[in-house]
Amino acid sequence: MLLALLLSGCLNQTQTIDSQKNLSQVSVQVQIIGKDNVVSFSKQISVQSGTNALTALKSISDLNIESKEYAGMGTFVTAINGVAGDSEYFWALYVNDKFADKAIDKYVLDADTKISWKLEKIDYGKLS
C-alpha cells in the first residue's frame, strides 16, 4: 500500500512537470525579406512550446501565407502577402539563420526561434 502511494505521488509529480512544459511559451521572431534584401516585415510572437511552425506563421494576422503540400516532403510556402515565387525566384526558408533542411510544417517550436523568409534567386546547387 505504501509503495502504491509513493508511486502515485511520483506519477502525479511527473504529470505536473509535463503539463507545465506543455504550457511554456517560446518566442518566435519572423522576418520577410524581399528580392532587394530589405526586411519588409518583422514581428516577434509568443507561442506555446510544441507548436508547429506553419501553424504559428498562419496565426499572424498581418501575414497572408499561401502554401502547397507535397506528399512525403511537407508543406512549402508559395506566396507571402500576395508575392509569389516564379521561374527565377522562390521563398527560401531560414531557421535560426541557417537554410532550412526541411519544410516549414516539419519544424516544432520548442525553443526561441528565428524564422526568415527570403525571396531568393533560384540556385539549383543550393537546393540539392
Protein backbone atom coordinates (compact mmCIF):
# COMPACT_ATOMS: atom_id res chain seq x y z
CA MET A 1 0.00 0.00 0.00
CA LEU A 2 2.81 2.38 0.91
CA LEU A 3 4.57 1.56 -2.35
CA ALA A 4 1.38 2.35 -4.30
CA LEU A 5 1.10 5.75 -2.57
CA LEU A 6 4.76 6.56 -3.29
CA LEU A 7 4.41 5.59 -6.95
CA SER A 8 1.20 7.59 -7.25
CA GLY A 9 2.99 10.67 -5.87
CA CYS A 10 5.83 10.23 -8.37
CA LEU A 11 3.40 9.87 -11.26
CA ASN A 12 1.47 12.98 -10.23
CA GLN A 13 4.69 14.98 -9.99
CA THR A 14 5.77 13.79 -13.45
CA GLN A 15 2.36 14.70 -14.89
CA THR A 16 2.61 18.18 -13.33
CA ILE A 17 6.08 18.73 -14.82
CA ASP A 18 4.84 17.53 -18.23
CA SER A 19 1.80 19.81 -18.12
CA GLN A 20 3.97 22.79 -17.09
CA LYS A 21 6.31 22.02 -20.00
CA ASN A 22 3.34 21.93 -22.37
CA LEU A 23 2.18 25.34 -21.12
CA SER A 24 5.56 27.04 -21.58
CA GLN A 25 5.86 29.75 -24.20
CA VAL A 26 8.60 30.26 -26.76
CA SER A 27 9.47 33.42 -28.66
CA VAL A 28 9.44 33.37 -32.46
CA GLN A 29 10.98 36.18 -34.50
CA VAL A 30 9.51 36.23 -38.01
CA GLN A 31 11.07 38.20 -40.88
CA ILE A 32 10.08 38.57 -44.51
CA ILE A 33 12.89 39.75 -46.79
CA GLY A 34 12.21 40.78 -50.40
CA LYS A 35 14.28 40.48 -53.60
CA ASP A 36 16.05 43.70 -52.74
CA ASN A 37 17.26 42.12 -49.47
CA VAL A 38 15.20 44.63 -47.46
CA VAL A 39 13.14 43.44 -44.50
CA SER A 40 9.52 44.14 -45.42
CA PHE A 41 8.01 42.54 -42.32
CA SER A 42 9.31 41.77 -38.86
CA LYS A 43 7.34 40.62 -35.86
CA GLN A 44 8.02 38.76 -32.66
CA ILE A 45 5.30 36.45 -31.40
CA SER A 46 4.94 34.12 -28.47
CA VAL A 47 3.51 30.63 -28.97
CA GLN A 48 3.03 27.56 -26.86
CA SER A 49 6.03 25.23 -26.87
CA GLY A 50 5.39 22.35 -29.26
CA THR A 51 3.51 24.48 -31.80
CA ASN A 52 4.04 23.62 -35.44
CA ALA A 53 5.95 26.45 -37.17
CA LEU A 54 3.48 26.70 -40.06
CA THR A 55 0.59 26.99 -37.62
CA ALA A 56 2.45 29.75 -35.78
CA LEU A 57 3.05 31.68 -39.01
CA LYS A 58 -0.55 31.36 -40.11
CA SER A 59 -1.67 32.78 -36.76
CA ILE A 60 -0.10 36.17 -37.58
CA SER A 61 -2.93 38.32 -38.89
CA ASP A 62 -0.53 40.65 -40.78
CA LEU A 63 0.67 37.75 -42.95
CA ASN A 64 -1.16 36.03 -45.75
CA ILE A 65 0.64 32.73 -46.27
CA GLU A 66 -0.14 30.59 -49.30
CA SER A 67 1.31 27.11 -49.34
CA LYS A 68 1.26 23.80 -51.11
CA GLU A 69 1.68 20.37 -49.56
CA TYR A 70 3.87 17.81 -51.30
CA ALA A 71 3.35 14.18 -50.30
CA GLY A 72 6.32 12.84 -48.38
CA MET A 73 8.08 16.21 -48.25
CA GLY A 74 5.80 18.57 -46.37
CA THR A 75 4.27 22.00 -46.89
CA PHE A 76 6.13 24.67 -48.81
CA VAL A 77 5.23 28.37 -48.86
CA THR A 78 4.43 29.58 -52.38
CA ALA A 79 3.39 33.18 -51.68
CA ILE A 80 3.56 35.69 -48.84
CA ASN A 81 1.25 38.72 -48.79
CA GLY A 82 0.46 38.22 -52.45
CA VAL A 83 4.07 37.90 -53.59
CA ALA A 84 4.64 34.53 -55.21
CA GLY A 85 7.76 32.81 -56.36
CA ASP A 86 8.24 32.44 -60.10
CA SER A 87 10.62 30.77 -62.54
CA GLU A 88 13.53 32.84 -61.20
CA TYR A 89 12.74 33.39 -57.51
CA PHE A 90 11.42 31.32 -54.62
CA TRP A 91 10.67 31.85 -50.94
CA ALA A 92 13.73 30.44 -49.18
CA LEU A 93 13.23 29.41 -45.57
CA TYR A 94 15.88 30.08 -42.94
CA VAL A 95 15.57 28.85 -39.37
CA ASN A 96 17.93 30.46 -36.88
CA ASP A 97 19.86 31.99 -39.82
CA LYS A 98 20.51 28.60 -41.45
CA PHE A 99 19.00 27.46 -44.75
CA ALA A 100 16.20 25.06 -43.79
CA ASP A 101 16.75 21.36 -44.20
CA LYS A 102 13.04 20.52 -44.21
CA ALA A 103 9.62 22.02 -44.91
CA ILE A 104 8.14 24.62 -42.55
CA ASP A 105 5.46 22.25 -41.23
CA LYS A 106 8.18 19.82 -40.11
CA TYR A 107 9.55 22.30 -37.55
CA VAL A 108 8.23 22.09 -33.99
CA LEU A 109 8.85 25.22 -31.94
CA ASP A 110 10.26 24.06 -28.62
CA ALA A 111 12.79 26.87 -28.10
CA ASP A 112 13.12 30.53 -29.06
CA THR A 113 13.43 30.56 -32.85
CA LYS A 114 14.07 32.98 -35.70
CA ILE A 115 12.19 32.23 -38.92
CA SER A 116 13.13 34.19 -42.03
CA TRP A 117 11.63 34.01 -45.48
CA LYS A 118 13.84 35.46 -48.22
CA LEU A 119 12.75 35.88 -51.81
CA GLU A 120 15.89 34.49 -53.44
CA LYS A 121 17.05 33.78 -56.94
CA ILE A 122 16.84 30.05 -57.58
CA ASP A 123 20.24 28.39 -57.16
CA TYR A 124 19.80 24.72 -58.03
CA GLY A 125 23.11 23.84 -56.37
CA LYS A 126 21.79 25.14 -53.04
CA LEU A 127 18.54 23.19 -53.33
CA SER A 128 20.15 19.77 -53.79
